[in-house]
Amino acid sequence: MKDYLNHKYHMKRALYLAHIAGKLQESGLVEELHFTQGCGNPLKPVLEVKPKEKLGKRVLIVMHLSPPVGAFKLARFSPEKNNVRPNWYFKEDGKVKEGKKIV
């Protein structure tokens, strides 16, 4: 699994939360759903769920998603490593030309 490359993990996490939100809305057990940023970071979406009826007046459920322990090797997130490949941004044969300006 190469979800650590090119921010794929962040996109999958947001998609998974959206799927959960859709299922909760279909169930009819939820009064309100809101997506927010976890700790102010847009790469960490959080789902806030307010249940219906009496429970919703007292409880707000905040869903954070995180990978299981050991899902990724910690060495891959070293400051010396680059997990974003240039060909993901630049579609020209995977090569970034020197002196080229991005507009």
Protein backbone atom coordinates (compact mmCIF):
# COMPACT_ATOMS: atom_id res chain seq x y z
CA MET A 1 0.00 0.00 0.00
CA LYS A 2 1.53 3.30 -1.09
CA ASP A 3 -0.96 5.66 0.51
CA TYR A 4 1.89 7.68 2.04
CA LEU A 5 2.76 9.03 -1.43
CA ASN A 6 1.26 12.18 -2.93
CA HIS A 7 -1.20 12.87 -0.10
CA LYS A 8 -3.32 9.82 -1.02
CA TYR A 9 -3.88 8.96 2.63
CA HIS A 10 -5.35 12.41 3.33
CA MET A 11 -7.73 12.13 0.38
CA LYS A 12 -8.83 8.62 1.36
CA ARG A 13 -9.44 9.72 4.95
CA ALA A 14 -11.71 12.57 3.78
CA LEU A 15 -13.54 10.24 1.38
CA TYR A 16 -14.07 7.66 4.13
CA LEU A 17 -15.50 10.32 6.47
CA ALA A 18 -17.84 11.50 3.70
CA HIS A 19 -19.04 7.92 3.23
CA ILE A 20 -19.69 7.58 6.98
CA ALA A 21 -21.58 10.90 6.94
CA GLY A 22 -23.75 9.70 4.07
CA LYS A 23 -24.63 6.48 5.85
CA LEU A 24 -25.46 8.36 9.04
CA GLN A 25 -27.79 10.71 7.15
CA GLU A 26 -29.53 7.74 5.50
CA SER A 27 -30.10 6.13 8.90
CA GLY A 28 -32.14 9.10 10.12
CA LEU A 29 -30.56 8.97 13.58
CA VAL A 30 -28.65 12.22 13.17
CA GLU A 31 -29.91 15.78 13.62
CA GLU A 32 -26.79 17.60 12.34
CA LEU A 33 -23.51 16.74 10.60
CA HIS A 34 -20.57 19.12 10.16
CA PHE A 35 -17.11 18.71 8.68
CA THR A 36 -14.39 20.73 10.40
CA GLN A 37 -10.60 20.86 10.43
CA GLY A 38 -8.88 18.86 13.13
CA CYS A 39 -6.59 21.18 15.12
CA GLY A 40 -6.89 23.78 12.35
CA ASN A 41 -5.21 21.49 9.82
CA PRO A 42 -7.14 21.12 6.54
CA LEU A 43 -5.45 17.75 5.93
CA LYS A 44 -7.14 16.33 9.06
CA PRO A 45 -10.91 16.46 8.50
CA VAL A 46 -13.17 15.80 11.48
CA LEU A 47 -16.84 14.87 11.43
CA GLU A 48 -19.07 16.34 14.15
CA VAL A 49 -22.29 14.43 14.69
CA LYS A 50 -25.24 15.63 16.76
CA PRO A 51 -27.73 12.82 17.47
CA LYS A 52 -31.51 13.34 17.39
CA GLU A 53 -33.85 13.86 20.32
CA LYS A 54 -32.72 14.13 23.98
CA LEU A 55 -29.25 12.75 23.41
CA GLY A 56 -28.50 15.49 20.88
CA LYS A 57 -29.06 18.16 23.52
CA ARG A 58 -26.27 16.76 25.68
CA VAL A 59 -23.87 14.99 23.34
CA LEU A 60 -21.72 15.99 20.36
CA ILE A 61 -19.76 13.14 18.77
CA VAL A 62 -16.47 14.13 17.11
CA MET A 63 -15.02 11.51 14.74
CA HIS A 64 -11.27 11.54 14.10
CA LEU A 65 -9.80 8.90 11.81
CA SER A 66 -6.29 7.55 12.17
CA PRO A 67 -4.44 4.58 10.70
CA PRO A 68 -3.75 1.51 12.83
CA VAL A 69 -0.40 1.30 14.59
CA GLY A 70 2.23 -0.01 12.20
CA ALA A 71 0.32 0.83 9.01
CA PHE A 72 3.21 3.00 7.79
CA LYS A 73 6.94 2.76 8.42
CA LEU A 74 8.03 5.78 10.44
CA ALA A 75 11.23 6.09 8.39
CA ARG A 76 9.13 7.15 5.39
CA PHE A 77 8.14 10.34 7.20
CA SER A 78 11.68 11.46 7.96
CA PRO A 79 12.46 15.11 7.06
CA GLU A 80 15.04 13.81 4.57
CA LYS A 81 12.35 11.93 2.62
CA ASN A 82 10.06 13.43 0.01
CA ASN A 83 6.72 11.66 -0.22
CA VAL A 84 5.35 13.91 -2.97
CA ARG A 85 6.59 12.93 -6.41
CA PRO A 86 7.20 15.73 -8.97
CA ASN A 87 5.32 13.88 -11.74
CA TRP A 88 2.20 14.10 -9.58
CA TYR A 89 2.30 17.90 -10.00
CA PHE A 90 4.06 18.15 -13.35
CA LYS A 91 2.65 15.80 -15.99
CA GLU A 92 5.63 16.18 -18.36
CA ASP A 93 7.31 12.76 -18.32
CA GLY A 94 7.94 13.06 -14.58
CA LYS A 95 10.82 15.50 -15.11
CA VAL A 96 10.95 19.01 -13.74
CA LYS A 97 12.93 21.33 -15.98
CA GLU A 98 15.21 23.83 -14.31
CA GLY A 99 14.26 27.46 -14.67
CA LYS A 100 10.70 26.68 -15.66
CA LYS A 101 8.18 29.03 -14.10
CA ILE A 102 4.87 27.72 -12.87
CA VAL A 103 2.00 30.08 -13.63
